Amino acid sequence: MLGYATISSLASPLDLSGSHTTTTTMSISSALTLTPAEVAVALVEQAVAKHNTRLDKTFFKAVLAGVMLSFGGLLDLIISGGSPGLTASNPGIVKVLGGFVFPVGLVMIVLQGLDLLTSNLMIFPMAALKRAIPWWGVPLNWIVVFFGNLVGSLFFAAILSKYDGLMVDDPYASYVRAFAITKAITPAWYQIFLRGIGCNWLVCIAVWQGMGAKDTLSKIVAIWFPIWVFVACGFDHVIANMFSLPLSIMLHSELTTDLYIRKSLIAALIGNIIGGLFVGLPAVYFYLGDWHAGGMRDAEEARIVRKDSEPSDSEKSA
């Protein structure tokens, strides 16, 4: 809804005659999906709204996003860890099955309007490049959302995975401990970094496609498949790892907190940043070269000021 409302209003100044404003709005609203250019505009507008949201709200939205993503991560661990026989005979099928259920987390995040770091790694640089938000807003949001996602993920790992007894017995506990070895100990730092790039490339594509869809079912389908691919392939998502790898530490795996931070968290985070830029920067280059944020700079959360009247004199001169 955020994307549609603002695209309709901001598309009209492009027609300086003022006579086709209604036609522009109708053509956008009648389409089943947004065009790539419209999606790019909607993502920048979303970044502006997030930038102008109070930091306490941003933090708690990020906490809930960490919880929602962990729900999908837990279901993945239950399916993968609960299938030791199938894993031994056909590990590829287990990865496909586990990857298939994981996207439920991102779907809940998108539909609830929560804050996940990996998507913000794409949209905030886009907004900053178009001068819709100040540059300092980029690291500020990333820091607040990072720690909010971390709190939510650790809460879920401790309270809803360990202390409630779901993952403390075999085969699940053994799988989680072995998962930490293959995920964070065995790979080299550069391998985790490269996997982080591939991960957020796909995550941001999923967010892009979800923004382009207008109805709920289409959003779910558009989000589901890229996330399914990244999980089944074993790419590294810095926030998803905040649930599974700390859980393995809680269950006394060989992974230590220090090693997790130095080798997995930092490498995956840097890779995720680059992966997000691989989607966001081409979008700015392809679709936003002559677009200006205009009145969106003052938008707060879902409160959008529509520009239903004719363009102002300054807009006409521009």
C-alpha atoms as a PDB file:
ATOM      1  CA  MET A   1       0.000   0.000   0.000  1.00  0.00           C
ATOM      2  CA  LEU A   2       2.852   2.328   0.735  1.00  0.00           C
ATOM      3  CA  GLY A   3       4.292   1.810  -2.711  1.00  0.00           C
ATOM      4  CA  TYR A   4       0.971   2.340  -4.512  1.00  0.00           C
ATOM      5  CA  ALA A   5      -0.128   5.447  -2.622  1.00  0.00           C
ATOM      6  CA  THR A   6       3.090   7.332  -3.123  1.00  0.00           C
ATOM      7  CA  ILE A   7       3.716   6.222  -6.687  1.00  0.00           C
ATOM      8  CA  SER A   8       0.279   7.457  -7.696  1.00  0.00           C
ATOM      9  CA  SER A   9       0.923  10.874  -6.176  1.00  0.00           C
ATOM     10  CA  LEU A  10       4.508  11.306  -7.276  1.00  0.00           C
ATOM     11  CA  ALA A  11       3.943  10.146 -10.831  1.00  0.00           C
ATOM     12  CA  SER A  12       1.681  13.100 -11.568  1.00  0.00           C
ATOM     13  CA  PRO A  13       4.355  15.869 -11.480  1.00  0.00           C
ATOM     14  CA  LEU A  14       6.078  14.186 -14.397  1.00  0.00           C
ATOM     15  CA  ASP A  15       3.167  15.289 -16.587  1.00  0.00           C
ATOM     16  CA  LEU A  16       3.554  19.074 -16.559  1.00  0.00           C
ATOM     17  CA  SER A  17       0.285  19.705 -18.336  1.00  0.00           C
ATOM     18  CA  GLY A  18      -1.704  18.454 -15.375  1.00  0.00           C
ATOM     19  CA  SER A  19      -4.307  16.949 -17.707  1.00  0.00           C
ATOM     20  CA  HIS A  20      -3.265  13.311 -17.426  1.00  0.00           C
ATOM     21  CA  THR A  21      -2.882  13.019 -13.639  1.00  0.00           C
ATOM     22  CA  THR A  22      -5.995  10.864 -13.291  1.00  0.00           C
ATOM     23  CA  THR A  23      -4.979   8.668 -16.223  1.00  0.00           C
ATOM     24  CA  THR A  24      -1.552   8.056 -14.698  1.00  0.00           C
ATOM     25  CA  THR A  25      -3.065   7.024 -11.382  1.00  0.00           C
ATOM     26  CA  MET A  26      -5.593   4.737 -13.030  1.00  0.00           C
ATOM     27  CA  SER A  27      -2.997   3.013 -15.203  1.00  0.00           C
ATOM     28  CA  ILE A  28      -0.854   2.247 -12.182  1.00  0.00           C
ATOM     29  CA  SER A  29      -3.727   1.070  -9.989  1.00  0.00           C
ATOM     30  CA  SER A  30      -5.211  -1.157 -12.719  1.00  0.00           C
ATOM     31  CA  ALA A  31      -1.994  -3.094 -13.309  1.00  0.00           C
ATOM     32  CA  LEU A  32      -1.538  -6.397 -11.519  1.00  0.00           C
ATOM     33  CA  THR A  33       2.086  -5.580 -10.712  1.00  0.00           C
ATOM     34  CA  LEU A  34       4.248  -2.491 -10.562  1.00  0.00           C
ATOM     35  CA  THR A  35       6.788  -1.898 -13.292  1.00  0.00           C
ATOM     36  CA  PRO A  36      10.491  -2.102 -12.308  1.00  0.00           C
ATOM     37  CA  ALA A  37      10.703   1.713 -12.316  1.00  0.00           C
ATOM     38  CA  GLU A  38       7.673   1.949 -10.034  1.00  0.00           C
ATOM     39  CA  VAL A  39       9.163  -0.632  -7.692  1.00  0.00           C
ATOM     40  CA  ALA A  40      12.399   1.372  -7.494  1.00  0.00           C
ATOM     41  CA  VAL A  41      10.436   4.500  -6.564  1.00  0.00           C
ATOM     42  CA  ALA A  42       8.385   2.587  -3.985  1.00  0.00           C
ATOM     43  CA  LEU A  43      11.528   1.186  -2.335  1.00  0.00           C
ATOM     44  CA  VAL A  44      13.076   4.643  -2.014  1.00  0.00           C
ATOM     45  CA  GLU A  45       9.846   5.967  -0.550  1.00  0.00           C
ATOM     46  CA  GLN A  46       9.795   3.078   1.896  1.00  0.00           C
ATOM     47  CA  ALA A  47      13.330   3.961   2.988  1.00  0.00           C
ATOM     48  CA  VAL A  48      12.268   7.574   3.546  1.00  0.00           C
ATOM     49  CA  ALA A  49       9.331   6.466   5.700  1.00  0.00           C
ATOM     50  CA  LYS A  50      11.575   4.140   7.702  1.00  0.00           C
ATOM     51  CA  HIS A  51      14.170   6.892   8.140  1.00  0.00           C
ATOM     52  CA  ASN A  52      11.529   9.218   9.589  1.00  0.00           C
ATOM     53  CA  THR A  53      10.124   6.583  11.940  1.00  0.00           C
ATOM     54  CA  ARG A  54      10.996   7.048  15.612  1.00  0.00           C
ATOM     55  CA  LEU A  55      14.039   5.010  16.608  1.00  0.00           C
ATOM     56  CA  ASP A  56      12.226   3.196  19.403  1.00  0.00           C
ATOM     57  CA  LYS A  57       9.605   1.974  16.929  1.00  0.00           C
ATOM     58  CA  THR A  58      12.323   0.975  14.477  1.00  0.00           C
ATOM     59  CA  PHE A  59      14.142  -0.997  17.161  1.00  0.00           C
ATOM     60  CA  PHE A  60      11.090  -2.946  18.314  1.00  0.00           C
ATOM     61  CA  LYS A  61      10.014  -3.621  14.736  1.00  0.00           C
ATOM     62  CA  ALA A  62      13.491  -5.053  14.224  1.00  0.00           C
ATOM     63  CA  VAL A  63      13.151  -7.188  17.377  1.00  0.00           C
ATOM     64  CA  LEU A  64       9.921  -8.660  16.042  1.00  0.00           C
ATOM     65  CA  ALA A  65      11.527  -9.198  12.638  1.00  0.00           C
ATOM     66  CA  GLY A  66      14.268 -11.249  14.304  1.00  0.00           C
ATOM     67  CA  VAL A  67      11.582 -13.361  15.965  1.00  0.00           C
ATOM     68  CA  MET A  68       9.602 -13.831  12.733  1.00  0.00           C
ATOM     69  CA  LEU A  69      12.680 -14.888  10.773  1.00  0.00           C
ATOM     70  CA  SER A  70      13.591 -17.333  13.538  1.00  0.00           C
ATOM     71  CA  PHE A  71      10.198 -19.028  13.238  1.00  0.00           C
ATOM     72  CA  GLY A  72      11.159 -19.981   9.692  1.00  0.00           C
ATOM     73  CA  GLY A  73      14.649 -20.950  10.838  1.00  0.00           C
ATOM     74  CA  LEU A  74      13.263 -23.218  13.548  1.00  0.00           C
ATOM     75  CA  LEU A  75      10.970 -24.990  11.098  1.00  0.00           C
ATOM     76  CA  ASP A  76      13.956 -25.493   8.793  1.00  0.00           C
ATOM     77  CA  LEU A  77      15.982 -27.034  11.652  1.00  0.00           C
ATOM     78  CA  ILE A  78      13.113 -29.307  12.685  1.00  0.00           C
ATOM     79  CA  ILE A  79      12.679 -30.674   9.164  1.00  0.00           C
ATOM     80  CA  SER A  80      16.395 -30.991   8.429  1.00  0.00           C
ATOM     81  CA  GLY A  81      17.406 -32.196  11.884  1.00  0.00           C
ATOM     82  CA  GLY A  82      14.486 -34.582  12.169  1.00  0.00           C
ATOM     83  CA  SER A  83      15.402 -36.440   8.997  1.00  0.00           C
ATOM     84  CA  PRO A  84      18.757 -38.117   9.741  1.00  0.00           C
ATOM     85  CA  GLY A  85      17.994 -41.146   7.600  1.00  0.00           C
ATOM     86  CA  LEU A  86      16.997 -39.067   4.601  1.00  0.00           C
ATOM     87  CA  THR A  87      20.011 -36.822   5.167  1.00  0.00           C
ATOM     88  CA  ALA A  88      22.318 -39.819   5.017  1.00  0.00           C
ATOM     89  CA  SER A  89      20.780 -41.183   1.841  1.00  0.00           C
ATOM     90  CA  ASN A  90      19.789 -38.005  -0.001  1.00  0.00           C
ATOM     91  CA  PRO A  91      21.072 -34.774   1.593  1.00  0.00           C
ATOM     92  CA  GLY A  92      20.037 -32.659  -1.377  1.00  0.00           C
ATOM     93  CA  ILE A  93      16.360 -33.436  -0.836  1.00  0.00           C
ATOM     94  CA  VAL A  94      16.653 -32.428   2.821  1.00  0.00           C
ATOM     95  CA  LYS A  95      18.166 -29.069   1.827  1.00  0.00           C
ATOM     96  CA  VAL A  96      15.358 -28.494  -0.631  1.00  0.00           C
ATOM     97  CA  LEU A  97      12.704 -29.381   1.961  1.00  0.00           C
ATOM     98  CA  GLY A  98      14.275 -27.220   4.660  1.00  0.00           C
ATOM     99  CA  GLY A  99      14.699 -24.340   2.247  1.00  0.00           C
ATOM    100  CA  PHE A 100      11.080 -24.614   1.173  1.00  0.00           C
ATOM    101  CA  VAL A 101       9.690 -23.799   4.644  1.00  0.00           C
ATOM    102  CA  PHE A 102      12.174 -21.093   5.649  1.00  0.00           C
ATOM    103  CA  PRO A 103      10.608 -18.236   3.576  1.00  0.00           C
ATOM    104  CA  VAL A 104       7.611 -18.079   5.924  1.00  0.00           C
ATOM    105  CA  GLY A 105       9.738 -15.829   8.146  1.00  0.00           C
ATOM    106  CA  LEU A 106      10.376 -13.161   5.521  1.00  0.00           C
ATOM    107  CA  VAL A 107       6.765 -13.332   4.353  1.00  0.00           C
ATOM    108  CA  MET A 108       5.561 -12.493   7.874  1.00  0.00           C
ATOM    109  CA  ILE A 109       8.094  -9.670   8.112  1.00  0.00           C
ATOM    110  CA  VAL A 110       7.016  -8.075   4.835  1.00  0.00           C
ATOM    111  CA  LEU A 111       3.281  -8.425   5.443  1.00  0.00           C
ATOM    112  CA  GLN A 112       3.596  -6.941   8.949  1.00  0.00           C
ATOM    113  CA  GLY A 113       5.832  -4.078   7.846  1.00  0.00           C
ATOM    114  CA  LEU A 114       8.702  -4.997  10.179  1.00  0.00           C
ATOM    115  CA  ASP A 115      12.370  -4.051   9.841  1.00  0.00           C
ATOM    116  CA  LEU A 116      14.915  -6.601   8.628  1.00  0.00           C
ATOM    117  CA  LEU A 117      18.505  -5.485   8.192  1.00  0.00           C
ATOM    118  CA  THR A 118      19.176  -7.271   4.917  1.00  0.00           C
ATOM    119  CA  SER A 119      16.431  -5.478   2.979  1.00  0.00           C
ATOM    120  CA  ASN A 120      17.446  -2.142   4.512  1.00  0.00           C
ATOM    121  CA  LEU A 121      20.953  -2.770   3.195  1.00  0.00           C
ATOM    122  CA  MET A 122      19.421  -2.280  -0.249  1.00  0.00           C
ATOM    123  CA  ILE A 123      16.832   0.459   0.140  1.00  0.00           C
ATOM    124  CA  PHE A 124      18.715   2.936   2.350  1.00  0.00           C
ATOM    125  CA  PRO A 125      21.677   3.408  -0.028  1.00  0.00           C
ATOM    126  CA  MET A 126      19.141   3.872  -2.842  1.00  0.00           C
ATOM    127  CA  ALA A 127      17.418   6.665  -0.907  1.00  0.00           C
ATOM    128  CA  ALA A 128      20.705   8.277   0.082  1.00  0.00           C
ATOM    129  CA  LEU A 129      21.931   8.287  -3.516  1.00  0.00           C
ATOM    130  CA  LYS A 130      18.766  10.128  -4.562  1.00  0.00           C
ATOM    131  CA  ARG A 131      19.228  12.537  -1.624  1.00  0.00           C
ATOM    132  CA  ALA A 132      15.863  11.527  -0.244  1.00  0.00           C
ATOM    133  CA  ILE A 133      17.523  10.909   3.135  1.00  0.00           C
ATOM    134  CA  PRO A 134      20.818  12.187   4.576  1.00  0.00           C
ATOM    135  CA  TRP A 135      23.827   9.890   4.407  1.00  0.00           C
ATOM    136  CA  TRP A 136      24.064   9.633   8.194  1.00  0.00           C
ATOM    137  CA  GLY A 137      20.634   8.007   8.172  1.00  0.00           C
ATOM    138  CA  VAL A 138      22.067   4.917   6.490  1.00  0.00           C
ATOM    139  CA  PRO A 139      24.449   3.723   9.252  1.00  0.00           C
ATOM    140  CA  LEU A 140      22.038   4.905  11.960  1.00  0.00           C
ATOM    141  CA  ASN A 141      19.237   2.698  10.660  1.00  0.00           C
ATOM    142  CA  TRP A 142      21.559  -0.220  10.028  1.00  0.00           C
ATOM    143  CA  ILE A 143      22.921  -0.115  13.579  1.00  0.00           C
ATOM    144  CA  VAL A 144      19.506   0.154  15.240  1.00  0.00           C
ATOM    145  CA  VAL A 145      17.986  -2.599  13.082  1.00  0.00           C
ATOM    146  CA  PHE A 146      21.058  -4.841  13.465  1.00  0.00           C
ATOM    147  CA  PHE A 147      20.810  -4.862  17.245  1.00  0.00           C
ATOM    148  CA  GLY A 148      17.030  -5.152  17.159  1.00  0.00           C
ATOM    149  CA  ASN A 149      17.248  -8.218  14.908  1.00  0.00           C
ATOM    150  CA  LEU A 150      19.945  -9.616  17.197  1.00  0.00           C
ATOM    151  CA  VAL A 151      17.813  -9.218  20.323  1.00  0.00           C
ATOM    152  CA  GLY A 152      14.829 -10.872  18.665  1.00  0.00           C
ATOM    153  CA  SER A 153      16.909 -13.766  17.320  1.00  0.00           C
ATOM    154  CA  LEU A 154      18.650 -14.431  20.657  1.00  0.00           C
ATOM    155  CA  PHE A 155      15.339 -14.254  22.506  1.00  0.00           C
ATOM    156  CA  PHE A 156      13.825 -16.805  20.153  1.00  0.00           C
ATOM    157  CA  ALA A 157      16.869 -19.104  20.325  1.00  0.00           C
ATOM    158  CA  ALA A 158      16.973 -19.085  24.127  1.00  0.00           C
ATOM    159  CA  ILE A 159      13.294 -18.994  25.082  1.00  0.00           C
ATOM    160  CA  LEU A 160      11.436 -20.616  22.187  1.00  0.00           C
ATOM    161  CA  SER A 161      14.036 -23.136  21.054  1.00  0.00           C
ATOM    162  CA  LYS A 162      16.175 -24.156  24.054  1.00  0.00           C
ATOM    163  CA  TYR A 163      14.346 -23.499  27.322  1.00  0.00           C
ATOM    164  CA  ASP A 164      11.029 -24.784  26.008  1.00  0.00           C
ATOM    165  CA  GLY A 165      12.802 -28.078  25.202  1.00  0.00           C
ATOM    166  CA  LEU A 166      12.128 -28.189  21.472  1.00  0.00           C
ATOM    167  CA  MET A 167      15.748 -28.491  20.348  1.00  0.00           C
ATOM    168  CA  VAL A 168      17.559 -29.930  23.364  1.00  0.00           C
ATOM    169  CA  ASP A 169      17.125 -33.622  22.516  1.00  0.00           C
ATOM    170  CA  ASP A 170      18.447 -35.699  19.633  1.00  0.00           C
ATOM    171  CA  PRO A 171      18.276 -35.801  16.707  1.00  0.00           C
ATOM    172  CA  TYR A 172      17.721 -32.044  16.774  1.00  0.00           C
ATOM    173  CA  ALA A 173      20.456 -31.039  19.218  1.00  0.00           C
ATOM    174  CA  SER A 174      23.070 -33.131  17.413  1.00  0.00           C
ATOM    175  CA  TYR A 175      22.024 -31.640  14.093  1.00  0.00           C
ATOM    176  CA  VAL A 176      22.275 -28.069  15.400  1.00  0.00           C
ATOM    177  CA  ARG A 177      25.763 -28.732  16.774  1.00  0.00           C
ATOM    178  CA  ALA A 178      26.879 -30.300  13.504  1.00  0.00           C
ATOM    179  CA  PHE A 179      25.258 -27.449  11.592  1.00  0.00           C
ATOM    180  CA  ALA A 180      27.497 -24.966  13.394  1.00  0.00           C
ATOM    181  CA  ILE A 181      30.577 -26.858  12.247  1.00  0.00           C
ATOM    182  CA  THR A 182      29.578 -26.922   8.586  1.00  0.00           C
ATOM    183  CA  LYS A 183      28.219 -23.370   8.661  1.00  0.00           C
ATOM    184  CA  ALA A 184      30.819 -21.415  10.624  1.00  0.00           C
ATOM    185  CA  ILE A 185      33.856 -23.535  11.478  1.00  0.00           C
ATOM    186  CA  THR A 186      34.725 -25.525   8.355  1.00  0.00           C
ATOM    187  CA  PRO A 187      34.300 -22.769   5.698  1.00  0.00           C
ATOM    188  CA  ALA A 188      37.037 -20.185   5.257  1.00  0.00           C
ATOM    189  CA  TRP A 189      36.284 -16.522   6.021  1.00  0.00           C
ATOM    190  CA  TYR A 190      36.220 -15.596   2.339  1.00  0.00           C
ATOM    191  CA  GLN A 191      33.790 -18.436   1.593  1.00  0.00           C
ATOM    192  CA  ILE A 192      31.302 -17.157   4.178  1.00  0.00           C
ATOM    193  CA  PHE A 193      31.775 -13.664   2.745  1.00  0.00           C
ATOM    194  CA  LEU A 194      30.993 -14.862  -0.793  1.00  0.00           C
ATOM    195  CA  ARG A 195      28.009 -16.838   0.439  1.00  0.00           C
ATOM    196  CA  GLY A 196      26.771 -13.666   2.127  1.00  0.00           C
ATOM    197  CA  ILE A 197      26.837 -11.858  -1.220  1.00  0.00           C
ATOM    198  CA  GLY A 198      24.778 -14.573  -2.892  1.00  0.00           C
ATOM    199  CA  CYS A 199      22.344 -14.657   0.014  1.00  0.00           C
ATOM    200  CA  ASN A 200      21.373 -11.002   0.116  1.00  0.00           C
ATOM    201  CA  TRP A 201      21.362 -10.745  -3.650  1.00  0.00           C
ATOM    202  CA  LEU A 202      18.491 -13.237  -3.574  1.00  0.00           C
ATOM    203  CA  VAL A 203      16.848 -11.755  -0.469  1.00  0.00           C
ATOM    204  CA  CYS A 204      16.729  -8.296  -2.043  1.00  0.00           C
ATOM    205  CA  ILE A 205      15.340  -9.752  -5.252  1.00  0.00           C
ATOM    206  CA  ALA A 206      12.613 -11.336  -3.128  1.00  0.00           C
ATOM    207  CA  VAL A 207      11.869  -8.005  -1.436  1.00  0.00           C
ATOM    208  CA  TRP A 208      11.872  -6.275  -4.834  1.00  0.00           C
ATOM    209  CA  GLN A 209       9.409  -8.786  -6.265  1.00  0.00           C
ATOM    210  CA  GLY A 210       7.237  -8.604  -3.165  1.00  0.00           C
ATOM    211  CA  MET A 211       7.035  -4.827  -3.488  1.00  0.00           C
ATOM    212  CA  GLY A 212       5.992  -5.177  -7.114  1.00  0.00           C
ATOM    213  CA  ALA A 213       3.046  -7.426  -6.274  1.00  0.00           C
ATOM    214  CA  LYS A 214      -0.198  -5.850  -5.084  1.00  0.00           C
ATOM    215  CA  ASP A 215      -2.253  -8.675  -3.591  1.00  0.00           C
ATOM    216  CA  THR A 216      -1.203 -10.795  -0.634  1.00  0.00           C
ATOM    217  CA  LEU A 217      -0.995 -14.133  -2.453  1.00  0.00           C
ATOM    218  CA  SER A 218       1.182 -12.661  -5.194  1.00  0.00           C
ATOM    219  CA  LYS A 219       3.491 -11.121  -2.613  1.00  0.00           C
ATOM    220  CA  ILE A 220       3.901 -14.480  -0.879  1.00  0.00           C
ATOM    221  CA  VAL A 221       4.733 -16.313  -4.108  1.00  0.00           C
ATOM    222  CA  ALA A 222       7.088 -13.569  -5.288  1.00  0.00           C
ATOM    223  CA  ILE A 223       9.003 -13.644  -1.997  1.00  0.00           C
ATOM    224  CA  TRP A 224       9.015 -17.405  -1.542  1.00  0.00           C
ATOM    225  CA  PHE A 225      11.111 -18.670  -4.430  1.00  0.00           C
ATOM    226  CA  PRO A 226      14.293 -16.547  -4.130  1.00  0.00           C
ATOM    227  CA  ILE A 227      14.419 -17.292  -0.374  1.00  0.00           C
ATOM    228  CA  TRP A 228      13.907 -20.982  -1.054  1.00  0.00           C
ATOM    229  CA  VAL A 229      16.890 -20.886  -3.418  1.00  0.00           C
ATOM    230  CA  PHE A 230      19.249 -19.133  -0.984  1.00  0.00           C
ATOM    231  CA  VAL A 231      18.474 -21.475   1.917  1.00  0.00           C
ATOM    232  CA  ALA A 232      18.632 -24.667  -0.159  1.00  0.00           C
ATOM    233  CA  CYS A 233      21.974 -23.563  -1.639  1.00  0.00           C
ATOM    234  CA  GLY A 234      23.460 -22.837   1.791  1.00  0.00           C
ATOM    235  CA  PHE A 235      24.152 -19.111   1.432  1.00  0.00           C
ATOM    236  CA  ASP A 236      24.754 -17.067   4.595  1.00  0.00           C
ATOM    237  CA  HIS A 237      22.163 -14.651   5.959  1.00  0.00           C
ATOM    238  CA  VAL A 238      23.621 -12.660   8.841  1.00  0.00           C
ATOM    239  CA  ILE A 239      20.288 -12.374  10.683  1.00  0.00           C
ATOM    240  CA  ALA A 240      19.208 -15.980  10.128  1.00  0.00           C
ATOM    241  CA  ASN A 241      22.580 -17.049  11.511  1.00  0.00           C
ATOM    242  CA  MET A 242      21.879 -14.962  14.634  1.00  0.00           C
ATOM    243  CA  PHE A 243      19.323 -17.615  15.546  1.00  0.00           C
ATOM    244  CA  SER A 244      20.875 -20.916  14.473  1.00  0.00           C
ATOM    245  CA  LEU A 245      24.521 -20.345  15.419  1.00  0.00           C
ATOM    246  CA  PRO A 246      23.914 -18.851  18.895  1.00  0.00           C
ATOM    247  CA  LEU A 247      21.491 -21.730  19.465  1.00  0.00           C
ATOM    248  CA  SER A 248      24.310 -24.153  18.694  1.00  0.00           C
ATOM    249  CA  ILE A 249      26.523 -22.328  21.208  1.00  0.00           C
ATOM    250  CA  MET A 250      23.756 -22.643  23.813  1.00  0.00           C
ATOM    251  CA  LEU A 251      23.670 -26.373  23.062  1.00  0.00           C
ATOM    252  CA  HIS A 252      27.458 -26.606  23.633  1.00  0.00           C
ATOM    253  CA  SER A 253      28.740 -26.986  20.100  1.00  0.00           C
ATOM    254  CA  GLU A 254      32.384 -26.507  19.158  1.00  0.00           C
ATOM    255  CA  LEU A 255      31.592 -22.980  17.988  1.00  0.00           C
ATOM    256  CA  THR A 256      32.505 -20.224  20.462  1.00  0.00           C
ATOM    257  CA  THR A 257      31.016 -16.749  20.668  1.00  0.00           C
ATOM    258  CA  ASP A 258      34.330 -15.157  19.754  1.00  0.00           C
ATOM    259  CA  LEU A 259      34.773 -17.370  16.694  1.00  0.00           C
ATOM    260  CA  TYR A 260      31.174 -16.815  15.633  1.00  0.00           C
ATOM    261  CA  ILE A 261      31.604 -13.034  15.663  1.00  0.00           C
ATOM    262  CA  ARG A 262      35.040 -12.967  14.027  1.00  0.00           C
ATOM    263  CA  LYS A 263      34.448 -15.534  11.342  1.00  0.00           C
ATOM    264  CA  SER A 264      30.733 -15.840  10.611  1.00  0.00           C
ATOM    265  CA  LEU A 265      28.933 -12.688  11.694  1.00  0.00           C
ATOM    266  CA  ILE A 266      31.386 -10.145  10.260  1.00  0.00           C
ATOM    267  CA  ALA A 267      31.970 -12.043   7.017  1.00  0.00           C
ATOM    268  CA  ALA A 268      28.250 -12.627   6.400  1.00  0.00           C
ATOM    269  CA  LEU A 269      27.408  -9.018   7.253  1.00  0.00           C
ATOM    270  CA  ILE A 270      29.913  -7.547   4.796  1.00  0.00           C
ATOM    271  CA  GLY A 271      28.802 -10.011   2.135  1.00  0.00           C
ATOM    272  CA  ASN A 272      25.142  -9.136   2.746  1.00  0.00           C
ATOM    273  CA  ILE A 273      25.929  -5.421   2.359  1.00  0.00           C
ATOM    274  CA  ILE A 274      27.521  -6.033  -1.034  1.00  0.00           C
ATOM    275  CA  GLY A 275      24.706  -8.361  -2.092  1.00  0.00           C
ATOM    276  CA  GLY A 276      22.153  -5.660  -1.282  1.00  0.00           C
ATOM    277  CA  LEU A 277      24.107  -3.100  -3.284  1.00  0.00           C
ATOM    278  CA  PHE A 278      24.136  -5.474  -6.250  1.00  0.00           C
ATOM    279  CA  VAL A 279      20.355  -5.015  -6.434  1.00  0.00           C
ATOM    280  CA  GLY A 280      19.950  -1.427  -5.234  1.00  0.00           C
ATOM    281  CA  LEU A 281      22.662   0.338  -7.217  1.00  0.00           C
ATOM    282  CA  PRO A 282      21.647  -1.004 -10.648  1.00  0.00           C
ATOM    283  CA  ALA A 283      18.059  -0.029  -9.840  1.00  0.00           C
ATOM    284  CA  VAL A 284      19.106   3.569  -9.217  1.00  0.00           C
ATOM    285  CA  TYR A 285      21.138   3.566 -12.439  1.00  0.00           C
ATOM    286  CA  PHE A 286      18.427   1.963 -14.561  1.00  0.00           C
ATOM    287  CA  TYR A 287      15.264   3.598 -13.259  1.00  0.00           C
ATOM    288  CA  LEU A 288      15.913   6.596 -11.003  1.00  0.00           C
ATOM    289  CA  GLY A 289      18.316   8.757 -12.980  1.00  0.00           C
ATOM    290  CA  ASP A 290      15.820  11.595 -13.484  1.00  0.00           C
ATOM    291  CA  TRP A 291      13.605  10.974 -10.463  1.00  0.00           C
ATOM    292  CA  HIS A 292      13.480  13.306  -7.442  1.00  0.00           C
ATOM    293  CA  ALA A 293      12.117  12.489  -4.013  1.00  0.00           C
ATOM    294  CA  GLY A 294      10.211  15.764  -3.799  1.00  0.00           C
ATOM    295  CA  GLY A 295       7.557  15.873  -1.091  1.00  0.00           C
ATOM    296  CA  MET A 296       8.374  12.399   0.209  1.00  0.00           C
ATOM    297  CA  ARG A 297      11.171  13.722   2.395  1.00  0.00           C
ATOM    298  CA  ASP A 298       8.738  14.480   5.214  1.00  0.00           C
ATOM    299  CA  ALA A 299       6.786  11.212   5.125  1.00  0.00           C
ATOM    300  CA  GLU A 300       6.467   9.377   8.423  1.00  0.00           C
ATOM    301  CA  GLU A 301       5.750   5.653   8.537  1.00  0.00           C
ATOM    302  CA  ALA A 302       2.513   5.002   6.616  1.00  0.00           C
ATOM    303  CA  ARG A 303       1.315   8.618   6.684  1.00  0.00           C
ATOM    304  CA  ILE A 304       1.661   9.858   3.093  1.00  0.00           C
ATOM    305  CA  VAL A 305       0.759  13.347   1.954  1.00  0.00           C
ATOM    306  CA  ARG A 306      -0.903  13.028  -1.440  1.00  0.00           C
ATOM    307  CA  LYS A 307      -0.274  15.644  -4.119  1.00  0.00           C
ATOM    308  CA  ASP A 308      -3.656  15.687  -5.860  1.00  0.00           C
ATOM    309  CA  SER A 309      -3.431  19.243  -7.142  1.00  0.00           C
ATOM    310  CA  GLU A 310      -1.520  20.491 -10.155  1.00  0.00           C
ATOM    311  CA  PRO A 311       2.274  20.667  -9.912  1.00  0.00           C
ATOM    312  CA  SER A 312       3.753  23.700  -8.187  1.00  0.00           C
ATOM    313  CA  ASP A 313       5.669  26.362 -10.102  1.00  0.00           C
ATOM    314  CA  SER A 314       8.963  24.994  -8.794  1.00  0.00           C
ATOM    315  CA  GLU A 315       8.090  21.524 -10.017  1.00  0.00           C
ATOM    316  CA  LYS A 316       7.112  22.867 -13.427  1.00  0.00           C
ATOM    317  CA  SER A 317      10.393  24.706 -13.758  1.00  0.00           C
ATOM    318  CA  ALA A 318      12.276  21.571 -12.736  1.00  0.00           C
END
